[in-house]
C-alpha cells in the first residue's frame, strides 16, 4: 500500500513515517499543500494522510483537488 503523508511539522512527519514504514507501508512525505498536490498529480496513492493547516495550500484545498482528480482516494485528516 502506497501512502502520501502531508505534514509540515518535520518531527511529527518523521515519527509518522517511521511508524508506517515499520508496518510495511510505502510512504512518500511532503511538507506543504502545493507539494502534496504535485505528488498526487504524478503518483498513484492508496491513501493520503493530510494535515489541515499546511503552508502554501491548506488541507481543505488539497482535499478539493483530490476529489477533482482522484475521486475515491481515501483521505485521513
PDB file of N, CA and C in Angstrom:
ATOM      1  N   UNK A   1       0.842  -1.176   0.000  1.00  0.00           N
ATOM      2  CA  UNK A   1       0.000   0.000   0.000  1.00  0.00           C
ATOM      3  C   UNK A   1       0.887   1.238   0.000  1.00  0.00           C
ATOM      4  N   UNK A   2       0.605   2.181  -0.884  1.00  0.00           N
ATOM      5  CA  UNK A   2       1.381   3.405  -1.015  1.00  0.00           C
ATOM      6  C   UNK A   2       0.596   4.573  -0.425  1.00  0.00           C
ATOM      7  N   UNK A   3       1.228   5.291   0.511  1.00  0.00           N
ATOM      8  CA  UNK A   3       0.577   6.377   1.237  1.00  0.00           C
ATOM      9  C   UNK A   3       1.368   7.663   1.052  1.00  0.00           C
ATOM     10  N   UNK A   4       0.635   8.774   0.891  1.00  0.00           N
ATOM     11  CA  UNK A   4       1.245  10.097   0.921  1.00  0.00           C
ATOM     12  C   UNK A   4       0.954  10.712   2.279  1.00  0.00           C
ATOM     13  N   UNK A   5       1.994  11.158   2.946  1.00  0.00           N
ATOM     14  CA  UNK A   5       1.883  11.836   4.235  1.00  0.00           C
ATOM     15  C   UNK A   5       2.214  13.311   4.026  1.00  0.00           C
ATOM     16  N   UNK A   6       1.223  14.178   4.246  1.00  0.00           N
ATOM     17  CA  UNK A   6       1.417  15.621   4.117  1.00  0.00           C
ATOM     18  C   UNK A   6       1.314  16.243   5.507  1.00  0.00           C
ATOM     19  N   UNK A   7       2.460  16.536   6.091  1.00  0.00           N
ATOM     20  CA  UNK A   7       2.552  17.097   7.449  1.00  0.00           C
ATOM     21  C   UNK A   7       3.735  18.048   7.480  1.00  0.00           C
ATOM     22  N   UNK A   8       3.490  19.317   7.871  1.00  0.00           N
ATOM     23  CA  UNK A   8       4.552  20.317   7.815  1.00  0.00           C
ATOM     24  C   UNK A   8       5.483  20.316   9.024  1.00  0.00           C
ATOM     25  N   UNK A   9       5.079  19.748  10.143  1.00  0.00           N
ATOM     26  CA  UNK A   9       5.986  19.656  11.291  1.00  0.00           C
ATOM     27  C   UNK A   9       6.953  18.503  11.056  1.00  0.00           C
ATOM     28  N   UNK A  10       8.214  18.828  10.878  1.00  0.00           N
ATOM     29  CA  UNK A  10       9.212  17.832  10.471  1.00  0.00           C
ATOM     30  C   UNK A  10       9.330  16.662  11.455  1.00  0.00           C
ATOM     31  N   UNK A  11       9.317  16.940  12.761  1.00  0.00           N
ATOM     32  CA  UNK A  11       9.433  15.862  13.749  1.00  0.00           C
ATOM     33  C   UNK A  11       8.225  14.926  13.691  1.00  0.00           C
ATOM     34  N   UNK A  12       7.025  15.495  13.620  1.00  0.00           N
ATOM     35  CA  UNK A  12       5.818  14.678  13.544  1.00  0.00           C
ATOM     36  C   UNK A  12       5.774  13.898  12.235  1.00  0.00           C
ATOM     37  N   UNK A  13       6.164  14.543  11.155  1.00  0.00           N
ATOM     38  CA  UNK A  13       6.229  13.879   9.860  1.00  0.00           C
ATOM     39  C   UNK A  13       7.147  12.663   9.947  1.00  0.00           C
ATOM     40  N   UNK A  14       8.304  12.844  10.549  1.00  0.00           N
ATOM     41  CA  UNK A  14       9.281  11.768  10.672  1.00  0.00           C
ATOM     42  C   UNK A  14       8.765  10.616  11.545  1.00  0.00           C
ATOM     43  N   UNK A  15       8.119  10.937  12.650  1.00  0.00           N
ATOM     44  CA  UNK A  15       7.583   9.906  13.551  1.00  0.00           C
ATOM     45  C   UNK A  15       6.513   9.077  12.851  1.00  0.00           C
ATOM     46  N   UNK A  16       5.582   9.762  12.182  1.00  0.00           N
ATOM     47  CA  UNK A  16       4.501   9.044  11.488  1.00  0.00           C
ATOM     48  C   UNK A  16       5.080   8.188  10.370  1.00  0.00           C
ATOM     49  N   UNK A  17       6.005   8.754   9.609  1.00  0.00           N
ATOM     50  CA  UNK A  17       6.623   7.991   8.509  1.00  0.00           C
ATOM     51  C   UNK A  17       7.312   6.733   9.036  1.00  0.00           C
ATOM     52  N   UNK A  18       8.085   6.858  10.110  1.00  0.00           N
ATOM     53  CA  UNK A  18       8.782   5.694  10.664  1.00  0.00           C
ATOM     54  C   UNK A  18       7.802   4.605  11.093  1.00  0.00           C
ATOM     55  N   UNK A  19       6.712   4.999  11.715  1.00  0.00           N
ATOM     56  CA  UNK A  19       5.726   4.010  12.157  1.00  0.00           C
ATOM     57  C   UNK A  19       5.064   3.314  10.964  1.00  0.00           C
ATOM     58  N   UNK A  20       4.741   4.082   9.936  1.00  0.00           N
ATOM     59  CA  UNK A  20       4.140   3.479   8.743  1.00  0.00           C
ATOM     60  C   UNK A  20       5.120   2.532   8.049  1.00  0.00           C
ATOM     61  N   UNK A  21       6.384   2.907   8.005  1.00  0.00           N
ATOM     62  CA  UNK A  21       7.389   2.032   7.403  1.00  0.00           C
ATOM     63  C   UNK A  21       7.543   0.738   8.202  1.00  0.00           C
ATOM     64  N   UNK A  22       7.466   0.831   9.535  1.00  0.00           N
ATOM     65  CA  UNK A  22       7.519  -0.382  10.365  1.00  0.00           C
ATOM     66  C   UNK A  22       6.352  -1.323  10.063  1.00  0.00           C
ATOM     67  N   UNK A  23       5.231  -0.736   9.664  1.00  0.00           N
ATOM     68  CA  UNK A  23       4.054  -1.529   9.310  1.00  0.00           C
ATOM     69  C   UNK A  23       4.080  -1.973   7.848  1.00  0.00           C
ATOM     70  N   UNK A  24       5.219  -1.722   7.181  1.00  0.00           N
ATOM     71  CA  UNK A  24       5.474  -2.174   5.809  1.00  0.00           C
ATOM     72  C   UNK A  24       4.708  -1.393   4.739  1.00  0.00           C
ATOM     73  N   UNK A  25       4.310  -0.145   5.038  1.00  0.00           N
ATOM     74  CA  UNK A  25       3.697   0.709   4.032  1.00  0.00           C
ATOM     75  C   UNK A  25       4.793   1.411   3.237  1.00  0.00           C
ATOM     76  N   UNK A  26       4.511   1.708   1.992  1.00  0.00           N
ATOM     77  CA  UNK A  26       5.378   2.516   1.150  1.00  0.00           C
ATOM     78  C   UNK A  26       4.918   3.962   1.349  1.00  0.00           C
ATOM     79  N   UNK A  27       5.804   4.849   1.816  1.00  0.00           N
ATOM     80  CA  UNK A  27       5.400   6.193   2.220  1.00  0.00           C
ATOM     81  C   UNK A  27       6.210   7.265   1.501  1.00  0.00           C
ATOM     82  N   UNK A  28       5.492   8.223   0.911  1.00  0.00           N
ATOM     83  CA  UNK A  28       6.102   9.460   0.428  1.00  0.00           C
ATOM     84  C   UNK A  28       5.682  10.552   1.395  1.00  0.00           C
ATOM     85  N   UNK A  29       6.563  11.499   1.655  1.00  0.00           N
ATOM     86  CA  UNK A  29       6.222  12.599   2.550  1.00  0.00           C
ATOM     87  C   UNK A  29       6.405  13.939   1.855  1.00  0.00           C
ATOM     88  N   UNK A  30       5.608  14.903   2.299  1.00  0.00           N
ATOM     89  CA  UNK A  30       5.746  16.268   1.821  1.00  0.00           C
ATOM     90  C   UNK A  30       5.387  17.210   2.965  1.00  0.00           C
ATOM     91  N   UNK A  31       5.710  18.490   2.786  1.00  0.00           N
ATOM     92  CA  UNK A  31       5.618  19.437   3.890  1.00  0.00           C
ATOM     93  C   UNK A  31       4.736  20.645   3.611  1.00  0.00           C
ATOM     94  N   UNK A  32       4.094  20.714   2.443  1.00  0.00           N
ATOM     95  CA  UNK A  32       3.141  21.796   2.180  1.00  0.00           C
ATOM     96  C   UNK A  32       2.082  21.317   1.184  1.00  0.00           C
ATOM     97  N   UNK A  33       1.011  22.093   1.078  1.00  0.00           N
ATOM     98  CA  UNK A  33      -0.114  21.688   0.247  1.00  0.00           C
ATOM     99  C   UNK A  33       0.179  21.650  -1.235  1.00  0.00           C
ATOM    100  N   UNK A  34       0.958  22.586  -1.721  1.00  0.00           N
ATOM    101  CA  UNK A  34       1.304  22.602  -3.145  1.00  0.00           C
ATOM    102  C   UNK A  34       2.129  21.369  -3.495  1.00  0.00           C
ATOM    103  N   UNK A  35       3.076  21.046  -2.642  1.00  0.00           N
ATOM    104  CA  UNK A  35       3.894  19.851  -2.853  1.00  0.00           C
ATOM    105  C   UNK A  35       3.018  18.593  -2.828  1.00  0.00           C
ATOM    106  N   UNK A  36       2.041  18.552  -1.933  1.00  0.00           N
ATOM    107  CA  UNK A  36       1.122  17.403  -1.864  1.00  0.00           C
ATOM    108  C   UNK A  36       0.366  17.243  -3.177  1.00  0.00           C
ATOM    109  N   UNK A  37      -0.144  18.347  -3.713  1.00  0.00           N
ATOM    110  CA  UNK A  37      -0.873  18.260  -4.985  1.00  0.00           C
ATOM    111  C   UNK A  37       0.043  17.831  -6.123  1.00  0.00           C
ATOM    112  N   UNK A  38       1.287  18.279  -6.097  1.00  0.00           N
ATOM    113  CA  UNK A  38       2.256  17.852  -7.115  1.00  0.00           C
ATOM    114  C   UNK A  38       2.502  16.342  -7.030  1.00  0.00           C
ATOM    115  N   UNK A  39       2.672  15.829  -5.815  1.00  0.00           N
ATOM    116  CA  UNK A  39       2.870  14.388  -5.625  1.00  0.00           C
ATOM    117  C   UNK A  39       1.657  13.607  -6.135  1.00  0.00           C
ATOM    118  N   UNK A  40       0.471  14.074  -5.803  1.00  0.00           N
ATOM    119  CA  UNK A  40      -0.762  13.382  -6.194  1.00  0.00           C
ATOM    120  C   UNK A  40      -0.934  13.386  -7.709  1.00  0.00           C
ATOM    121  N   UNK A  41      -0.497  14.455  -8.354  1.00  0.00           N
ATOM    122  CA  UNK A  41      -0.635  14.561  -9.812  1.00  0.00           C
ATOM    123  C   UNK A  41       0.176  13.516 -10.561  1.00  0.00           C
ATOM    124  N   UNK A  42       1.302  13.078  -9.988  1.00  0.00           N
ATOM    125  CA  UNK A  42       2.195  12.181 -10.728  1.00  0.00           C
ATOM    126  C   UNK A  42       2.327  10.784 -10.120  1.00  0.00           C
ATOM    127  N   UNK A  43       1.662  10.532  -9.001  1.00  0.00           N
ATOM    128  CA  UNK A  43       1.758   9.225  -8.339  1.00  0.00           C
ATOM    129  C   UNK A  43       0.371   8.664  -8.056  1.00  0.00           C
ATOM    130  N   UNK A  44       0.302   7.361  -7.971  1.00  0.00           N
ATOM    131  CA  UNK A  44      -0.940   6.700  -7.569  1.00  0.00           C
ATOM    132  C   UNK A  44      -0.809   6.273  -6.118  1.00  0.00           C
ATOM    133  N   UNK A  45      -1.608   6.874  -5.254  1.00  0.00           N
ATOM    134  CA  UNK A  45      -1.588   6.539  -3.835  1.00  0.00           C
ATOM    135  C   UNK A  45      -2.851   5.783  -3.472  1.00  0.00           C
ATOM    136  N   UNK A  46      -2.709   4.873  -2.519  1.00  0.00           N
ATOM    137  CA  UNK A  46      -3.862   4.152  -1.999  1.00  0.00           C
ATOM    138  C   UNK A  46      -4.589   4.966  -0.940  1.00  0.00           C
ATOM    139  N   UNK A  47      -3.867   5.908  -0.305  1.00  0.00           N
ATOM    140  CA  UNK A  47      -4.450   6.767   0.723  1.00  0.00           C
ATOM    141  C   UNK A  47      -3.540   7.970   0.956  1.00  0.00           C
ATOM    142  N   UNK A  48      -4.133   9.017   1.547  1.00  0.00           N
ATOM    143  CA  UNK A  48      -3.396  10.219   1.899  1.00  0.00           C
ATOM    144  C   UNK A  48      -3.668  10.543   3.363  1.00  0.00           C
ATOM    145  N   UNK A  49      -2.613  10.836   4.107  1.00  0.00           N
ATOM    146  CA  UNK A  49      -2.747  11.363   5.459  1.00  0.00           C
ATOM    147  C   UNK A  49      -2.418  12.841   5.349  1.00  0.00           C
ATOM    148  N   UNK A  50      -3.392  13.674   5.698  1.00  0.00           N
ATOM    149  CA  UNK A  50      -3.330  15.087   5.346  1.00  0.00           C
ATOM    150  C   UNK A  50      -3.524  15.975   6.569  1.00  0.00           C
ATOM    151  N   UNK A  51      -2.566  16.858   6.805  1.00  0.00           N
ATOM    152  CA  UNK A  51      -2.689  17.883   7.838  1.00  0.00           C
ATOM    153  C   UNK A  51      -3.616  18.979   7.305  1.00  0.00           C
ATOM    154  N   UNK A  52      -4.440  19.553   8.154  1.00  0.00           N
ATOM    155  CA  UNK A  52      -5.338  20.620   7.714  1.00  0.00           C
ATOM    156  C   UNK A  52      -4.588  21.940   7.554  1.00  0.00           C
ATOM    157  N   UNK A  53      -3.697  22.248   8.475  1.00  0.00           N
ATOM    158  CA  UNK A  53      -3.027  23.548   8.492  1.00  0.00           C
ATOM    159  C   UNK A  53      -1.658  23.472   7.802  1.00  0.00           C
ATOM    160  N   UNK A  54      -1.654  23.214   6.516  1.00  0.00           N
ATOM    161  CA  UNK A  54      -0.420  23.152   5.737  1.00  0.00           C
ATOM    162  C   UNK A  54      -0.084  24.527   5.162  1.00  0.00           C
ATOM    163  N   UNK A  55       1.201  24.839   4.995  1.00  0.00           N
ATOM    164  CA  UNK A  55       1.569  26.080   4.307  1.00  0.00           C
ATOM    165  C   UNK A  55       1.298  25.972   2.804  1.00  0.00           C
ATOM    166  N   UNK A  56       1.216  27.112   2.160  1.00  0.00           N
ATOM    167  CA  UNK A  56       1.040  27.281   0.708  1.00  0.00           C
ATOM    168  C   UNK A  56      -0.358  26.906   0.217  1.00  0.00           C
ATOM    169  N   UNK A  57      -0.924  25.825   0.685  1.00  0.00           N
ATOM    170  CA  UNK A  57      -2.305  25.437   0.375  1.00  0.00           C
ATOM    171  C   UNK A  57      -2.772  24.563   1.532  1.00  0.00           C
ATOM    172  N   UNK A  58      -3.871  24.935   2.170  1.00  0.00           N
ATOM    173  CA  UNK A  58      -4.301  24.161   3.343  1.00  0.00           C
ATOM    174  C   UNK A  58      -4.873  22.802   2.942  1.00  0.00           C
ATOM    175  N   UNK A  59      -5.109  21.977   3.939  1.00  0.00           N
ATOM    176  CA  UNK A  59      -5.592  20.627   3.697  1.00  0.00           C
ATOM    177  C   UNK A  59      -6.921  20.581   2.968  1.00  0.00           C
ATOM    178  N   UNK A  60      -7.781  21.567   3.194  1.00  0.00           N
ATOM    179  CA  UNK A  60      -9.078  21.598   2.510  1.00  0.00           C
ATOM    180  C   UNK A  60      -8.903  21.818   1.010  1.00  0.00           C
ATOM    181  N   UNK A  61      -7.967  22.674   0.644  1.00  0.00           N
ATOM    182  CA  UNK A  61      -7.693  22.898  -0.780  1.00  0.00           C
ATOM    183  C   UNK A  61      -7.113  21.635  -1.416  1.00  0.00           C
ATOM    184  N   UNK A  62      -6.233  20.959  -0.699  1.00  0.00           N
ATOM    185  CA  UNK A  62      -5.663  19.709  -1.205  1.00  0.00           C
ATOM    186  C   UNK A  62      -6.762  18.660  -1.353  1.00  0.00           C
ATOM    187  N   UNK A  63      -7.653  18.565  -0.369  1.00  0.00           N
ATOM    188  CA  UNK A  63      -8.758  17.606  -0.447  1.00  0.00           C
ATOM    189  C   UNK A  63      -9.653  17.913  -1.649  1.00  0.00           C
ATOM    190  N   UNK A  64      -9.940  19.177  -1.879  1.00  0.00           N
ATOM    191  CA  UNK A  64     -10.758  19.558  -3.034  1.00  0.00           C
ATOM    192  C   UNK A  64     -10.086  19.103  -4.328  1.00  0.00           C
ATOM    193  N   UNK A  65      -8.774  19.307  -4.413  1.00  0.00           N
ATOM    194  CA  UNK A  65      -8.019  18.860  -5.584  1.00  0.00           C
ATOM    195  C   UNK A  65      -8.102  17.339  -5.734  1.00  0.00           C
ATOM    196  N   UNK A  66      -7.930  16.620  -4.637  1.00  0.00           N
ATOM    197  CA  UNK A  66      -8.005  15.153  -4.677  1.00  0.00           C
ATOM    198  C   UNK A  66      -9.365  14.714  -5.196  1.00  0.00           C
ATOM    199  N   UNK A  67     -10.433  15.318  -4.701  1.00  0.00           N
ATOM    200  CA  UNK A  67     -11.779  14.934  -5.123  1.00  0.00           C
ATOM    201  C   UNK A  67     -12.027  15.248  -6.592  1.00  0.00           C
ATOM    202  N   UNK A  68     -11.323  16.227  -7.138  1.00  0.00           N
ATOM    203  CA  UNK A  68     -11.466  16.544  -8.555  1.00  0.00           C
ATOM    204  C   UNK A  68     -10.728  15.555  -9.448  1.00  0.00           C
ATOM    205  N   UNK A  69      -9.555  15.070  -9.008  1.00  0.00           N
ATOM    206  CA  UNK A  69      -8.736  14.235  -9.890  1.00  0.00           C
ATOM    207  C   UNK A  69      -8.715  12.752  -9.509  1.00  0.00           C
ATOM    208  N   UNK A  70      -8.879  12.425  -8.249  1.00  0.00           N
ATOM    209  CA  UNK A  70      -8.839  11.030  -7.781  1.00  0.00           C
ATOM    210  C   UNK A  70      -9.999  10.841  -6.809  1.00  0.00           C
ATOM    211  N   UNK A  71     -11.193  10.867  -7.321  1.00  0.00           N
ATOM    212  CA  UNK A  71     -12.409  10.979  -6.532  1.00  0.00           C
ATOM    213  C   UNK A  71     -12.526  10.018  -5.349  1.00  0.00           C
ATOM    214  N   UNK A  72     -12.084   8.804  -5.502  1.00  0.00           N
ATOM    215  CA  UNK A  72     -12.304   7.789  -4.461  1.00  0.00           C
ATOM    216  C   UNK A  72     -11.106   7.531  -3.563  1.00  0.00           C
ATOM    217  N   UNK A  73     -10.065   8.335  -3.671  1.00  0.00           N
ATOM    218  CA  UNK A  73      -8.885   8.130  -2.853  1.00  0.00           C
ATOM    219  C   UNK A  73      -9.222   8.416  -1.390  1.00  0.00           C
ATOM    220  N   UNK A  74      -8.972   7.464  -0.485  1.00  0.00           N
ATOM    221  CA  UNK A  74      -9.221   7.706   0.930  1.00  0.00           C
ATOM    222  C   UNK A  74      -8.275   8.764   1.489  1.00  0.00           C
ATOM    223  N   UNK A  75      -8.844   9.655   2.314  1.00  0.00           N
ATOM    224  CA  UNK A  75      -8.065  10.730   2.936  1.00  0.00           C
ATOM    225  C   UNK A  75      -8.352  10.725   4.422  1.00  0.00           C
ATOM    226  N   UNK A  76      -7.279  10.786   5.200  1.00  0.00           N
ATOM    227  CA  UNK A  76      -7.389  10.877   6.662  1.00  0.00           C
ATOM    228  C   UNK A  76      -6.837  12.236   7.076  1.00  0.00           C
ATOM    229  N   UNK A  77      -7.687  13.043   7.740  1.00  0.00           N
ATOM    230  CA  UNK A  77      -7.232  14.341   8.240  1.00  0.00           C
ATOM    231  C   UNK A  77      -6.646  14.148   9.601  1.00  0.00           C
TER     232      UNK A  77
END
